């Protein structure tokens, strides 16, 4: 069996994204990294970029909104690797500017399915494989926009004065982080959330103070590589606990 720690990252959809850079940084640290995208061909294209850099990356298809797809990838990983060491819930729909009243409820459901229920689904089905690890970690990629405090945009200081469904989904994800941390404490699985902050995953975001993607991804890598006995149920940015 491969002695490398095995990490899975959901929602790796583009070369300029947080998930892609997180995969690169973890692989640079010696991890074998499974990158997943809704389409196998996209996962393969992105994986090949990292493989050509000499990194150990495996592409797999995964739509976190499809429960059967999460079950299928769980079986695939169990058969191929036998365990999982790190789960990073990065899949996200963003942005939206829906009004509370003037909105199609299906649009809300789509965001919550991707950003919240999808993360719950991966935790539900992949935890048995994480229990086989001596140093299991779950990292939920969240956002300060889903918190009540901290720096930058938040629920009390929303971007453009709009609390988006994205923000609400991240608030729910933060709550799920706390729940899972408590539920899995006896399994020695550390469950934390991390915010990359505003990052320039799109060029336009640089105009709003977006920092390099490499800096945002480092927050996630920090939570994914916490030492044994490290904190659980926390919300990190740049290696520091920030307000929920």
Protein backbone atom coordinates (compact mmCIF):
# COMPACT_ATOMS: atom_id res chain seq x y z
CA UNK A 1 0.00 0.00 0.00
CA UNK A 2 1.23 3.52 -0.80
CA UNK A 3 2.79 5.09 2.31
CA UNK A 4 1.93 8.62 1.19
CA UNK A 5 -0.94 10.41 2.86
CA UNK A 6 -3.95 10.54 0.55
CA UNK A 7 -6.04 13.68 0.18
CA UNK A 8 -9.24 14.23 -1.79
CA UNK A 9 -10.33 17.69 -2.90
CA UNK A 10 -13.80 18.36 -4.27
CA UNK A 11 -14.71 21.03 -6.78
CA UNK A 12 -11.41 21.40 -8.63
CA UNK A 13 -12.68 23.07 -11.77
CA UNK A 14 -10.04 25.46 -13.10
CA UNK A 15 -6.33 26.18 -13.04
CA UNK A 16 -6.80 29.54 -11.30
CA UNK A 17 -9.01 28.06 -8.56
CA UNK A 18 -8.44 27.50 -4.85
CA UNK A 19 -8.88 23.73 -5.17
CA UNK A 20 -6.23 23.42 -7.87
CA UNK A 21 -3.67 25.45 -5.92
CA UNK A 22 -4.46 23.52 -2.74
CA UNK A 23 -3.78 20.30 -4.63
CA UNK A 24 -0.45 21.66 -5.85
CA UNK A 25 0.64 22.72 -2.37
CA UNK A 26 -0.34 19.44 -0.74
CA UNK A 27 1.35 17.43 -3.48
CA UNK A 28 4.45 19.58 -3.01
CA UNK A 29 4.42 18.43 0.62
CA UNK A 30 4.47 14.80 -0.49
CA UNK A 31 0.78 13.95 -0.46
CA UNK A 32 -0.94 11.90 -3.13
CA UNK A 33 -3.88 14.09 -4.11
CA UNK A 34 -7.16 13.07 -5.72
CA UNK A 35 -8.64 16.05 -7.53
CA UNK A 36 -12.28 15.82 -8.46
CA UNK A 37 -14.45 17.72 -10.88
CA UNK A 38 -17.96 17.13 -12.14
CA UNK A 39 -16.52 16.05 -15.49
CA UNK A 40 -13.78 13.46 -15.74
CA UNK A 41 -12.13 15.23 -18.68
CA UNK A 42 -11.71 18.45 -16.69
CA UNK A 43 -10.22 16.55 -13.76
CA UNK A 44 -7.82 14.82 -16.14
CA UNK A 45 -6.78 18.05 -17.85
CA UNK A 46 -6.02 19.73 -14.53
CA UNK A 47 -4.33 16.67 -13.09
CA UNK A 48 -2.02 16.44 -16.11
CA UNK A 49 -0.76 19.96 -15.46
CA UNK A 50 0.32 18.94 -11.96
CA UNK A 51 1.61 15.54 -13.06
CA UNK A 52 3.83 17.33 -15.57
CA UNK A 53 5.25 19.28 -12.62
CA UNK A 54 6.29 15.96 -11.11
CA UNK A 55 3.45 15.81 -8.59
CA UNK A 56 1.44 12.75 -7.53
CA UNK A 57 -2.12 13.58 -8.55
CA UNK A 58 -5.07 11.36 -9.47
CA UNK A 59 -8.13 12.68 -11.38
CA UNK A 60 -11.63 11.43 -10.57
CA UNK A 61 -15.13 12.58 -11.48
CA UNK A 62 -17.41 13.67 -8.65
CA UNK A 63 -20.58 15.72 -8.46
CA UNK A 64 -21.14 16.23 -4.73
CA UNK A 65 -24.82 17.00 -5.33
CA UNK A 66 -25.36 13.42 -6.52
CA UNK A 67 -25.48 11.04 -3.57
CA UNK A 68 -24.87 8.03 -5.79
CA UNK A 69 -21.74 9.71 -7.17
CA UNK A 70 -20.37 10.21 -3.65
CA UNK A 71 -21.11 6.57 -2.84
CA UNK A 72 -19.41 5.47 -6.07
CA UNK A 73 -16.19 7.41 -5.46
CA UNK A 74 -16.09 6.06 -1.92
CA UNK A 75 -16.12 2.51 -3.29
CA UNK A 76 -13.49 3.45 -5.88
CA UNK A 77 -11.12 4.89 -3.28
CA UNK A 78 -11.63 1.95 -0.94
CA UNK A 79 -10.83 -0.51 -3.72
CA UNK A 80 -7.86 1.43 -5.06
CA UNK A 81 -6.29 2.82 -1.88
CA UNK A 82 -8.03 1.26 1.13
CA UNK A 83 -8.23 4.48 3.14
CA UNK A 84 -8.39 8.28 3.01
CA UNK A 85 -6.34 10.67 5.14
CA UNK A 86 -7.64 14.12 4.20
CA UNK A 87 -11.00 15.29 2.86
CA UNK A 88 -11.22 18.88 1.63
CA UNK A 89 -14.73 20.09 0.84
CA UNK A 90 -14.02 22.81 -1.70
CA UNK A 91 -16.95 22.46 -4.15
CA UNK A 92 -18.81 25.77 -4.25
CA UNK A 93 -21.37 27.67 -6.29
CA UNK A 94 -20.63 31.41 -6.27
CA UNK A 95 -21.76 34.15 -6.50
CA UNK A 96 -25.44 35.05 -6.31
CA UNK A 97 -27.37 38.20 -5.55
CA UNK A 98 -30.82 36.75 -4.96
CA UNK A 99 -33.44 38.82 -3.16
CA UNK A 100 -35.28 37.04 -0.34
CA UNK A 101 -38.65 37.46 -2.02
CA UNK A 102 -37.83 37.75 -5.71
CA UNK A 103 -35.98 34.48 -6.14
CA UNK A 104 -36.68 31.07 -7.62
CA UNK A 105 -36.44 28.55 -4.80
CA UNK A 106 -34.66 26.10 -7.07
CA UNK A 107 -31.75 28.57 -7.32
CA UNK A 108 -31.47 28.51 -3.53
CA UNK A 109 -31.65 24.73 -3.46
CA UNK A 110 -28.86 24.46 -6.04
CA UNK A 111 -26.49 26.56 -3.93
CA UNK A 112 -27.29 24.70 -0.72
CA UNK A 113 -26.97 21.32 -2.45
CA UNK A 114 -23.49 22.20 -3.67
CA UNK A 115 -22.07 24.23 -0.79
CA UNK A 116 -23.67 22.57 2.23
CA UNK A 117 -25.45 19.27 1.62
CA UNK A 118 -22.69 18.15 -0.74
CA UNK A 119 -20.13 18.61 2.04
CA UNK A 120 -22.35 16.70 4.48
CA UNK A 121 -22.65 13.91 1.92
CA UNK A 122 -18.90 13.52 1.46
CA UNK A 123 -18.37 13.52 5.21
CA UNK A 124 -21.12 10.92 5.66
CA UNK A 125 -19.80 8.48 3.09
CA UNK A 126 -16.03 9.02 3.28
CA UNK A 127 -15.71 8.97 7.07
CA UNK A 128 -15.40 5.14 7.18
CA UNK A 129 -12.27 5.50 5.01
CA UNK A 130 -10.99 8.36 7.18
CA UNK A 131 -11.37 6.14 10.25
CA UNK A 132 -8.73 3.87 8.70
CA UNK A 133 -6.20 6.72 8.81
CA UNK A 134 -3.89 7.44 11.74
CA UNK A 135 -4.10 11.17 11.06
CA UNK A 136 -7.48 11.93 9.48
CA UNK A 137 -8.42 15.51 8.70
CA UNK A 138 -11.55 17.14 7.25
CA UNK A 139 -11.36 20.72 6.02
CA UNK A 140 -14.48 22.61 4.97
CA UNK A 141 -13.59 25.54 2.72
CA UNK A 142 -15.74 28.31 4.12
CA UNK A 143 -15.87 32.09 3.93
CA UNK A 144 -15.82 35.08 6.22
CA UNK A 145 -19.00 36.17 4.46
CA UNK A 146 -20.77 33.37 6.35
CA UNK A 147 -19.58 34.51 9.79
CA UNK A 148 -20.76 37.19 12.20
CA UNK A 149 -17.30 38.52 12.94
CA UNK A 150 -13.78 38.68 11.68
CA UNK A 151 -12.19 40.88 9.07
CA UNK A 152 -13.58 41.77 5.69
CA UNK A 153 -17.07 40.90 4.49
CA UNK A 154 -19.41 39.11 6.90
CA UNK A 155 -23.09 38.56 7.59
CA UNK A 156 -23.11 41.93 9.39
CA UNK A 157 -21.01 43.63 6.71
CA UNK A 158 -22.16 41.96 3.48
CA UNK A 159 -20.57 42.57 0.12
CA UNK A 160 -22.59 45.22 -1.75
CA UNK A 161 -25.08 45.17 1.16
CA UNK A 162 -26.46 41.79 0.07
CA UNK A 163 -26.41 38.65 2.20
CA UNK A 164 -26.17 36.07 -0.55
CA UNK A 165 -27.33 32.48 -0.47
CA UNK A 166 -23.62 31.71 -0.81
CA UNK A 167 -23.03 33.45 2.55
CA UNK A 168 -25.94 31.60 4.16
CA UNK A 169 -24.59 28.28 2.84
CA UNK A 170 -21.19 29.03 4.36
CA UNK A 171 -22.79 29.88 7.71
CA UNK A 172 -24.46 26.46 7.56
CA UNK A 173 -21.14 24.87 6.61
CA UNK A 174 -19.51 26.46 9.65
CA UNK A 175 -22.23 24.97 11.84
CA UNK A 176 -21.71 21.57 10.19
CA UNK A 177 -18.00 21.86 10.98
CA UNK A 178 -18.80 22.18 14.68
CA UNK A 179 -21.24 19.29 14.57
CA UNK A 180 -18.87 16.96 12.74
CA UNK A 181 -15.97 17.91 15.00
CA UNK A 182 -17.99 16.83 18.03
CA UNK A 183 -19.41 13.71 16.39
CA UNK A 184 -16.01 12.50 15.15
CA UNK A 185 -13.88 13.52 18.12
CA UNK A 186 -13.73 9.98 19.48
CA UNK A 187 -12.52 8.82 16.06
CA UNK A 188 -9.57 11.24 16.33
CA UNK A 189 -10.68 12.96 13.13
CA UNK A 190 -9.92 16.68 13.20
CA UNK A 191 -12.67 18.71 11.50
CA UNK A 192 -12.05 22.38 10.82
CA UNK A 193 -13.15 25.14 8.48
CA UNK A 194 -10.80 27.50 6.68
CA UNK A 195 -11.36 30.65 4.71
CA UNK A 196 -9.01 31.60 1.90
CA UNK A 197 -10.21 35.20 2.15
CA UNK A 198 -10.88 37.20 -0.98
CA UNK A 199 -8.64 35.70 -3.62
CA UNK A 200 -8.11 36.55 -7.26
CA UNK A 201 -9.57 33.36 -8.69
CA UNK A 202 -11.07 35.67 -11.33
CA UNK A 203 -9.24 38.75 -12.60
CA UNK A 204 -12.09 41.04 -11.53
CA UNK A 205 -11.64 39.98 -7.89
CA UNK A 206 -8.19 41.57 -7.85
CA UNK A 207 -10.02 44.89 -8.15
CA UNK A 208 -11.77 44.13 -4.85
CA UNK A 209 -8.59 43.37 -2.93
CA UNK A 210 -8.29 39.75 -3.99
CA UNK A 211 -4.92 38.33 -2.99
CA UNK A 212 -2.93 35.65 -4.81
CA UNK A 213 -4.59 32.25 -4.90
CA UNK A 214 -1.44 30.72 -3.40
CA UNK A 215 -1.99 32.70 -0.19
CA UNK A 216 -5.63 31.68 0.06
CA UNK A 217 -4.83 28.01 -0.51
CA UNK A 218 -2.21 28.11 2.24
CA UNK A 219 -5.01 28.61 4.80
CA UNK A 220 -6.60 25.35 3.69
CA UNK A 221 -3.31 23.47 3.62
CA UNK A 222 -2.63 24.62 7.19
CA UNK A 223 -5.87 23.03 8.40
CA UNK A 224 -5.26 19.89 6.35
CA UNK A 225 -1.82 19.32 7.86
CA UNK A 226 -2.52 20.01 11.53
CA UNK A 227 -0.48 17.78 13.85
CA UNK A 228 -1.90 14.94 15.89
CA UNK A 229 -3.90 16.27 18.80
CA UNK A 230 -4.40 19.59 17.02
CA UNK A 231 -7.49 21.79 17.27
CA UNK A 232 -10.86 20.70 15.96
CA UNK A 233 -14.09 22.59 15.35
CA UNK A 234 -12.22 25.82 14.58
CA UNK A 235 -12.33 28.40 11.78
CA UNK A 236 -8.93 29.38 10.39
CA UNK A 237 -7.48 32.06 8.17
CA UNK A 238 -3.75 32.14 7.53
CA UNK A 239 -3.14 29.72 10.36
CA UNK A 240 -4.98 31.79 12.93
CA UNK A 241 -8.38 31.19 14.52
CA UNK A 242 -10.90 33.79 13.38
CA UNK A 243 -14.41 34.59 14.58
CA UNK A 244 -17.35 32.53 13.35
